[in-house]
All heavy atoms as atom14 arrays in JSON, in Angstrom:
{
  "sequence": "AAKLIAELVNEIPQGVYQKDEFGVVTSINLGVI",
  "atom14_mask": [
    [1, 1, 1, 1, 1, 0, 0, 0, 0, 0, 0, 0, 0, 0],
    [1, 1, 1, 1, 1, 0, 0, 0, 0, 0, 0, 0, 0, 0],
    [1, 1, 1, 1, 1, 1, 1, 1, 1, 0, 0, 0, 0, 0],
    [1, 1, 1, 1, 1, 1, 1, 1, 0, 0, 0, 0, 0, 0],
    [1, 1, 1, 1, 1, 1, 1, 1, 0, 0, 0, 0, 0, 0],
    [1, 1, 1, 1, 1, 0, 0, 0, 0, 0, 0, 0, 0, 0],
    [1, 1, 1, 1, 1, 1, 1, 1, 1, 0, 0, 0, 0, 0],
    [1, 1, 1, 1, 1, 1, 1, 1, 0, 0, 0, 0, 0, 0],
    [1, 1, 1, 1, 1, 1, 1, 0, 0, 0, 0, 0, 0, 0],
    [1, 1, 1, 1, 1, 1, 1, 1, 0, 0, 0, 0, 0, 0],
    [1, 1, 1, 1, 1, 1, 1, 1, 1, 0, 0, 0, 0, 0],
    [1, 1, 1, 1, 1, 1, 1, 1, 0, 0, 0, 0, 0, 0],
    [1, 1, 1, 1, 1, 1, 1, 0, 0, 0, 0, 0, 0, 0],
    [1, 1, 1, 1, 1, 1, 1, 1, 1, 0, 0, 0, 0, 0],
    [1, 1, 1, 1, 0, 0, 0, 0, 0, 0, 0, 0, 0, 0],
    [1, 1, 1, 1, 1, 1, 1, 0, 0, 0, 0, 0, 0, 0],
    [1, 1, 1, 1, 1, 1, 1, 1, 1, 1, 1, 1, 0, 0],
    [1, 1, 1, 1, 1, 1, 1, 1, 1, 0, 0, 0, 0, 0],
    [1, 1, 1, 1, 1, 1, 1, 1, 1, 0, 0, 0, 0, 0],
    [1, 1, 1, 1, 1, 1, 1, 1, 0, 0, 0, 0, 0, 0],
    [1, 1, 1, 1, 1, 1, 1, 1, 1, 0, 0, 0, 0, 0],
    [1, 1, 1, 1, 1, 1, 1, 1, 1, 1, 1, 0, 0, 0],
    [1, 1, 1, 1, 0, 0, 0, 0, 0, 0, 0, 0, 0, 0],
    [1, 1, 1, 1, 1, 1, 1, 0, 0, 0, 0, 0, 0, 0],
    [1, 1, 1, 1, 1, 1, 1, 0, 0, 0, 0, 0, 0, 0],
    [1, 1, 1, 1, 1, 1, 1, 0, 0, 0, 0, 0, 0, 0],
    [1, 1, 1, 1, 1, 1, 0, 0, 0, 0, 0, 0, 0, 0],
    [1, 1, 1, 1, 1, 1, 1, 1, 0, 0, 0, 0, 0, 0],
    [1, 1, 1, 1, 1, 1, 1, 1, 0, 0, 0, 0, 0, 0],
    [1, 1, 1, 1, 1, 1, 1, 1, 0, 0, 0, 0, 0, 0],
    [1, 1, 1, 1, 0, 0, 0, 0, 0, 0, 0, 0, 0, 0],
    [1, 1, 1, 1, 1, 1, 1, 0, 0, 0, 0, 0, 0, 0],
    [1, 1, 1, 1, 1, 1, 1, 1, 0, 0, 0, 0, 0, 0]
  ],
  "atom14_positions": [
    [[-54.71, 78.34, -2.5], [-54.18, 77.39, -1.52], [-52.73, 77.03, -1.78], [-51.94, 76.82, -0.84], [-55.04, 76.13, -1.5], [0.0, 0.0, 0.0], [0.0, 0.0, 0.0], [0.0, 0.0, 0.0], [0.0, 0.0, 0.0], [0.0, 0.0, 0.0], [0.0, 0.0, 0.0], [0.0, 0.0, 0.0], [0.0, 0.0, 0.0], [0.0, 0.0, 0.0]],
    [[-52.34, 76.95, -3.04], [-50.95, 76.63, -3.37], [-50.0, 77.71, -2.86], [-48.92, 77.42, -2.34], [-50.79, 76.45, -4.88], [0.0, 0.0, 0.0], [0.0, 0.0, 0.0], [0.0, 0.0, 0.0], [0.0, 0.0, 0.0], [0.0, 0.0, 0.0], [0.0, 0.0, 0.0], [0.0, 0.0, 0.0], [0.0, 0.0, 0.0], [0.0, 0.0, 0.0]],
    [[-50.41, 78.96, -2.99], [-49.6, 80.07, -2.48], [-49.55, 80.04, -0.95], [-48.49, 80.26, -0.34], [-50.2, 81.39, -2.95], [-49.53, 82.65, -2.39], [-48.11, 82.8, -2.92], [-47.54, 84.18, -2.61], [-47.44, 84.43, -1.15], [0.0, 0.0, 0.0], [0.0, 0.0, 0.0], [0.0, 0.0, 0.0], [0.0, 0.0, 0.0], [0.0, 0.0, 0.0]],
    [[-50.68, 79.72, -0.34], [-50.73, 79.73, 1.12], [-49.91, 78.59, 1.74], [-49.32, 78.77, 2.8], [-52.18, 79.66, 1.6], [-53.05, 80.88, 1.31], [-54.44, 80.68, 1.9], [-52.42, 82.15, 1.87], [0.0, 0.0, 0.0], [0.0, 0.0, 0.0], [0.0, 0.0, 0.0], [0.0, 0.0, 0.0], [0.0, 0.0, 0.0], [0.0, 0.0, 0.0]],
    [[-49.92, 77.42, 1.11], [-49.13, 76.32, 1.68], [-47.64, 76.67, 1.62], [-46.87, 76.32, 2.52], [-49.41, 74.97, 0.98], [-48.85, 73.81, 1.8], [-48.83, 74.93, -0.42], [-49.53, 73.56, 3.11], [0.0, 0.0, 0.0], [0.0, 0.0, 0.0], [0.0, 0.0, 0.0], [0.0, 0.0, 0.0], [0.0, 0.0, 0.0], [0.0, 0.0, 0.0]],
    [[-47.23, 77.38, 0.58], [-45.83, 77.82, 0.49], [-45.51, 78.79, 1.63], [-44.43, 78.72, 2.23], [-45.57, 78.47, -0.86], [0.0, 0.0, 0.0], [0.0, 0.0, 0.0], [0.0, 0.0, 0.0], [0.0, 0.0, 0.0], [0.0, 0.0, 0.0], [0.0, 0.0, 0.0], [0.0, 0.0, 0.0], [0.0, 0.0, 0.0], [0.0, 0.0, 0.0]],
    [[-46.45, 79.67, 1.92], [-46.26, 80.62, 3.02], [-46.14, 79.88, 4.36], [-45.26, 80.18, 5.19], [-47.43, 81.6, 3.07], [-47.37, 82.59, 4.23], [-48.6, 83.49, 4.29], [-49.16, 83.83, 3.23], [-49.0, 83.84, 5.42], [0.0, 0.0, 0.0], [0.0, 0.0, 0.0], [0.0, 0.0, 0.0], [0.0, 0.0, 0.0], [0.0, 0.0, 0.0]],
    [[-47.01, 78.91, 4.55], [-47.01, 78.17, 5.81], [-45.74, 77.34, 5.97], [-45.1, 77.34, 7.03], [-48.25, 77.26, 5.86], [-48.53, 76.54, 7.18], [-48.62, 77.52, 8.33], [-49.83, 75.75, 7.06], [0.0, 0.0, 0.0], [0.0, 0.0, 0.0], [0.0, 0.0, 0.0], [0.0, 0.0, 0.0], [0.0, 0.0, 0.0], [0.0, 0.0, 0.0]],
    [[-45.35, 76.65, 4.93], [-44.13, 75.83, 4.96], [-42.9, 76.68, 5.25], [-41.97, 76.26, 5.93], [-43.97, 75.05, 3.64], [-42.56, 74.52, 3.47], [-44.98, 73.92, 3.57], [0.0, 0.0, 0.0], [0.0, 0.0, 0.0], [0.0, 0.0, 0.0], [0.0, 0.0, 0.0], [0.0, 0.0, 0.0], [0.0, 0.0, 0.0], [0.0, 0.0, 0.0]],
    [[-42.91, 77.9, 4.75], [-41.77, 78.8, 4.98], [-41.59, 79.13, 6.46], [-40.48, 79.43, 6.92], [-41.96, 80.09, 4.18], [-40.74, 80.97, 4.22], [-39.64, 80.55, 3.87], [-40.92, 82.22, 4.66], [0.0, 0.0, 0.0], [0.0, 0.0, 0.0], [0.0, 0.0, 0.0], [0.0, 0.0, 0.0], [0.0, 0.0, 0.0], [0.0, 0.0, 0.0]],
    [[-42.69, 79.07, 7.23], [-42.63, 79.38, 8.66], [-42.22, 78.18, 9.51], [-41.75, 78.34, 10.63], [-44.0, 79.88, 9.13], [-44.43, 81.22, 8.53], [-43.52, 82.35, 8.97], [-43.14, 82.38, 10.16], [-43.17, 83.19, 8.12], [0.0, 0.0, 0.0], [0.0, 0.0, 0.0], [0.0, 0.0, 0.0], [0.0, 0.0, 0.0], [0.0, 0.0, 0.0]],
    [[-42.42, 76.98, 8.99], [-42.14, 75.77, 9.76], [-40.65, 75.44, 9.69], [-40.03, 75.55, 8.63], [-42.99, 74.6, 9.22], [-44.47, 74.88, 9.49], [-42.57, 73.27, 9.85], [-45.41, 73.89, 8.84], [0.0, 0.0, 0.0], [0.0, 0.0, 0.0], [0.0, 0.0, 0.0], [0.0, 0.0, 0.0], [0.0, 0.0, 0.0], [0.0, 0.0, 0.0]],
    [[-40.03, 75.05, 10.8], [-38.59, 74.74, 10.78], [-38.25, 73.64, 9.79], [-39.09, 72.8, 9.46], [-38.31, 74.27, 12.22], [-39.41, 74.83, 13.04], [-40.61, 74.88, 12.15], [0.0, 0.0, 0.0], [0.0, 0.0, 0.0], [0.0, 0.0, 0.0], [0.0, 0.0, 0.0], [0.0, 0.0, 0.0], [0.0, 0.0, 0.0], [0.0, 0.0, 0.0]],
    [[-37.02, 73.65, 9.32], [-36.5, 72.62, 8.43], [-35.08, 72.27, 8.87], [-34.26, 73.15, 9.11], [-36.48, 73.09, 6.97], [-35.64, 72.25, 6.03], [-36.15, 70.83, 5.86], [-37.34, 70.57, 5.96], [-35.23, 69.89, 5.62], [0.0, 0.0, 0.0], [0.0, 0.0, 0.0], [0.0, 0.0, 0.0], [0.0, 0.0, 0.0], [0.0, 0.0, 0.0]],
    [[-34.8, 70.97, 9.01], [-33.45, 70.53, 9.36], [-33.31, 70.23, 10.84], [-34.24, 69.75, 11.49], [0.0, 0.0, 0.0], [0.0, 0.0, 0.0], [0.0, 0.0, 0.0], [0.0, 0.0, 0.0], [0.0, 0.0, 0.0], [0.0, 0.0, 0.0], [0.0, 0.0, 0.0], [0.0, 0.0, 0.0], [0.0, 0.0, 0.0], [0.0, 0.0, 0.0]],
    [[-32.14, 70.53, 11.39], [-31.85, 70.21, 12.8], [-32.61, 71.15, 13.72], [-32.53, 72.37, 13.59], [-30.34, 70.3, 13.09], [-30.07, 70.08, 14.57], [-29.57, 69.28, 12.25], [0.0, 0.0, 0.0], [0.0, 0.0, 0.0], [0.0, 0.0, 0.0], [0.0, 0.0, 0.0], [0.0, 0.0, 0.0], [0.0, 0.0, 0.0], [0.0, 0.0, 0.0]],
    [[-33.35, 70.57, 14.65], [-34.1, 71.35, 15.64], [-33.37, 71.38, 16.98], [-33.38, 72.38, 17.68], [-35.5, 70.73, 15.8], [-36.38, 71.41, 16.82], [-37.03, 72.6, 16.52], [-36.58, 70.84, 18.08], [-37.86, 73.22, 17.46], [-37.41, 71.45, 19.02], [-38.04, 72.64, 18.71], [-38.86, 73.25, 19.63], [0.0, 0.0, 0.0], [0.0, 0.0, 0.0]],
    [[-32.72, 70.25, 17.33], [-31.99, 70.16, 18.6], [-30.85, 69.17, 18.46], [-31.01, 68.11, 17.86], [-32.94, 69.71, 19.72], [-32.32, 69.7, 21.1], [-32.11, 71.1, 21.66], [-32.9, 71.99, 21.4], [-31.04, 71.3, 22.39], [0.0, 0.0, 0.0], [0.0, 0.0, 0.0], [0.0, 0.0, 0.0], [0.0, 0.0, 0.0], [0.0, 0.0, 0.0]],
    [[-29.68, 69.49, 19.01], [-28.56, 68.56, 19.02], [-27.82, 68.69, 20.35], [-27.94, 69.7, 21.06], [-27.62, 68.8, 17.84], [-26.92, 70.14, 17.82], [-26.19, 70.4, 16.49], [-25.18, 69.35, 16.16], [-24.43, 69.67, 14.92], [0.0, 0.0, 0.0], [0.0, 0.0, 0.0], [0.0, 0.0, 0.0], [0.0, 0.0, 0.0], [0.0, 0.0, 0.0]],
    [[-27.03, 67.66, 20.68], [-26.21, 67.71, 21.88], [-24.85, 67.11, 21.58], [-24.49, 66.95, 20.41], [-26.9, 66.98, 23.05], [-27.13, 65.49, 22.78], [-26.5, 64.94, 21.85], [-27.92, 64.87, 23.51], [0.0, 0.0, 0.0], [0.0, 0.0, 0.0], [0.0, 0.0, 0.0], [0.0, 0.0, 0.0], [0.0, 0.0, 0.0], [0.0, 0.0, 0.0]],
    [[-24.08, 66.77, 22.62], [-22.71, 66.31, 22.4], [-22.65, 64.96, 21.71], [-21.59, 64.56, 21.19], [-21.95, 66.24, 23.73], [-22.42, 65.16, 24.7], [-23.53, 65.62, 25.63], [-24.27, 66.55, 25.26], [-23.64, 65.05, 26.74], [0.0, 0.0, 0.0], [0.0, 0.0, 0.0], [0.0, 0.0, 0.0], [0.0, 0.0, 0.0], [0.0, 0.0, 0.0]],
    [[-23.76, 64.23, 21.66], [-23.78, 62.91, 21.02], [-24.27, 62.97, 19.58], [-24.24, 61.98, 18.87], [-24.65, 61.94, 21.82], [-24.16, 61.71, 23.22], [-24.87, 62.18, 24.31], [-22.97, 61.03, 23.45], [-24.42, 61.97, 25.6], [-22.5, 60.82, 24.74], [-23.23, 61.29, 25.81], [0.0, 0.0, 0.0], [0.0, 0.0, 0.0], [0.0, 0.0, 0.0]],
    [[-24.72, 64.14, 19.13], [-25.19, 64.28, 17.75], [-26.56, 64.94, 17.68], [-27.03, 65.57, 18.63], [0.0, 0.0, 0.0], [0.0, 0.0, 0.0], [0.0, 0.0, 0.0], [0.0, 0.0, 0.0], [0.0, 0.0, 0.0], [0.0, 0.0, 0.0], [0.0, 0.0, 0.0], [0.0, 0.0, 0.0], [0.0, 0.0, 0.0], [0.0, 0.0, 0.0]],
    [[-27.22, 64.78, 16.54], [-28.55, 65.36, 16.33], [-29.56, 64.62, 17.19], [-29.62, 63.39, 17.2], [-28.96, 65.27, 14.85], [-30.38, 65.8, 14.66], [-27.99, 66.07, 13.99], [0.0, 0.0, 0.0], [0.0, 0.0, 0.0], [0.0, 0.0, 0.0], [0.0, 0.0, 0.0], [0.0, 0.0, 0.0], [0.0, 0.0, 0.0], [0.0, 0.0, 0.0]],
    [[-30.36, 65.37, 17.93], [-31.39, 64.8, 18.79], [-32.74, 64.81, 18.08], [-33.45, 63.82, 18.04], [-31.49, 65.56, 20.13], [-32.63, 65.01, 20.98], [-30.18, 65.49, 20.89], [0.0, 0.0, 0.0], [0.0, 0.0, 0.0], [0.0, 0.0, 0.0], [0.0, 0.0, 0.0], [0.0, 0.0, 0.0], [0.0, 0.0, 0.0], [0.0, 0.0, 0.0]],
    [[-33.09, 65.96, 17.51], [-34.4, 66.13, 16.89], [-34.25, 66.89, 15.58], [-33.54, 67.89, 15.51], [-35.37, 66.9, 17.81], [-35.42, 66.24, 19.08], [-36.77, 66.97, 17.22], [0.0, 0.0, 0.0], [0.0, 0.0, 0.0], [0.0, 0.0, 0.0], [0.0, 0.0, 0.0], [0.0, 0.0, 0.0], [0.0, 0.0, 0.0], [0.0, 0.0, 0.0]],
    [[-34.92, 66.38, 14.54], [-34.88, 67.06, 13.24], [-36.24, 66.95, 12.57], [-37.08, 66.13, 12.94], [-33.81, 66.44, 12.34], [-34.2, 65.13, 11.93], [0.0, 0.0, 0.0], [0.0, 0.0, 0.0], [0.0, 0.0, 0.0], [0.0, 0.0, 0.0], [0.0, 0.0, 0.0], [0.0, 0.0, 0.0], [0.0, 0.0, 0.0], [0.0, 0.0, 0.0]],
    [[-36.43, 67.81, 11.58], [-37.66, 67.78, 10.78], [-37.29, 67.98, 9.32], [-36.42, 68.79, 9.0], [-38.66, 68.85, 11.26], [-39.94, 68.81, 10.41], [-38.06, 70.25, 11.27], [-41.08, 69.64, 10.97], [0.0, 0.0, 0.0], [0.0, 0.0, 0.0], [0.0, 0.0, 0.0], [0.0, 0.0, 0.0], [0.0, 0.0, 0.0], [0.0, 0.0, 0.0]],
    [[-37.95, 67.2, 8.46], [-37.65, 67.3, 7.03], [-38.94, 67.34, 6.22], [-39.84, 66.5, 6.39], [-36.82, 66.1, 6.58], [-36.45, 66.22, 5.11], [-35.69, 67.1, 4.73], [-36.99, 65.33, 4.28], [0.0, 0.0, 0.0], [0.0, 0.0, 0.0], [0.0, 0.0, 0.0], [0.0, 0.0, 0.0], [0.0, 0.0, 0.0], [0.0, 0.0, 0.0]],
    [[-39.04, 68.33, 5.35], [-40.18, 68.44, 4.44], [-40.05, 67.37, 3.36], [-39.11, 67.39, 2.57], [-40.22, 69.84, 3.81], [-41.29, 70.06, 2.74], [-42.69, 69.9, 3.34], [-41.13, 71.46, 2.12], [0.0, 0.0, 0.0], [0.0, 0.0, 0.0], [0.0, 0.0, 0.0], [0.0, 0.0, 0.0], [0.0, 0.0, 0.0], [0.0, 0.0, 0.0]],
    [[-40.99, 66.43, 3.36], [-40.93, 65.34, 2.39], [-41.62, 65.67, 1.09], [-41.13, 65.35, 0.01], [0.0, 0.0, 0.0], [0.0, 0.0, 0.0], [0.0, 0.0, 0.0], [0.0, 0.0, 0.0], [0.0, 0.0, 0.0], [0.0, 0.0, 0.0], [0.0, 0.0, 0.0], [0.0, 0.0, 0.0], [0.0, 0.0, 0.0], [0.0, 0.0, 0.0]],
    [[-42.78, 66.34, 1.19], [-43.53, 66.67, -0.03], [-44.41, 67.88, 0.24], [-44.89, 68.09, 1.35], [-44.39, 65.46, -0.49], [-45.44, 65.12, 0.56], [-45.05, 65.72, -1.84], [0.0, 0.0, 0.0], [0.0, 0.0, 0.0], [0.0, 0.0, 0.0], [0.0, 0.0, 0.0], [0.0, 0.0, 0.0], [0.0, 0.0, 0.0], [0.0, 0.0, 0.0]],
    [[-44.59, 68.67, -0.8], [-45.54, 69.78, -0.76], [-46.37, 69.7, -2.03], [-45.83, 69.54, -3.13], [-44.8, 71.14, -0.64], [-45.79, 72.29, -0.63], [-43.75, 71.32, -1.72], [-45.14, 73.63, -0.27], [0.0, 0.0, 0.0], [0.0, 0.0, 0.0], [0.0, 0.0, 0.0], [0.0, 0.0, 0.0], [0.0, 0.0, 0.0], [0.0, 0.0, 0.0]]
  ]
}
């Protein structure tokens, strides 16, 4: 399971997902694994 969670996390986006002229709109951050 430890190996698989690393595989899964690698597929999930990290950081800025969407931004516009006013700045970052949507982001995602991995807090803990």
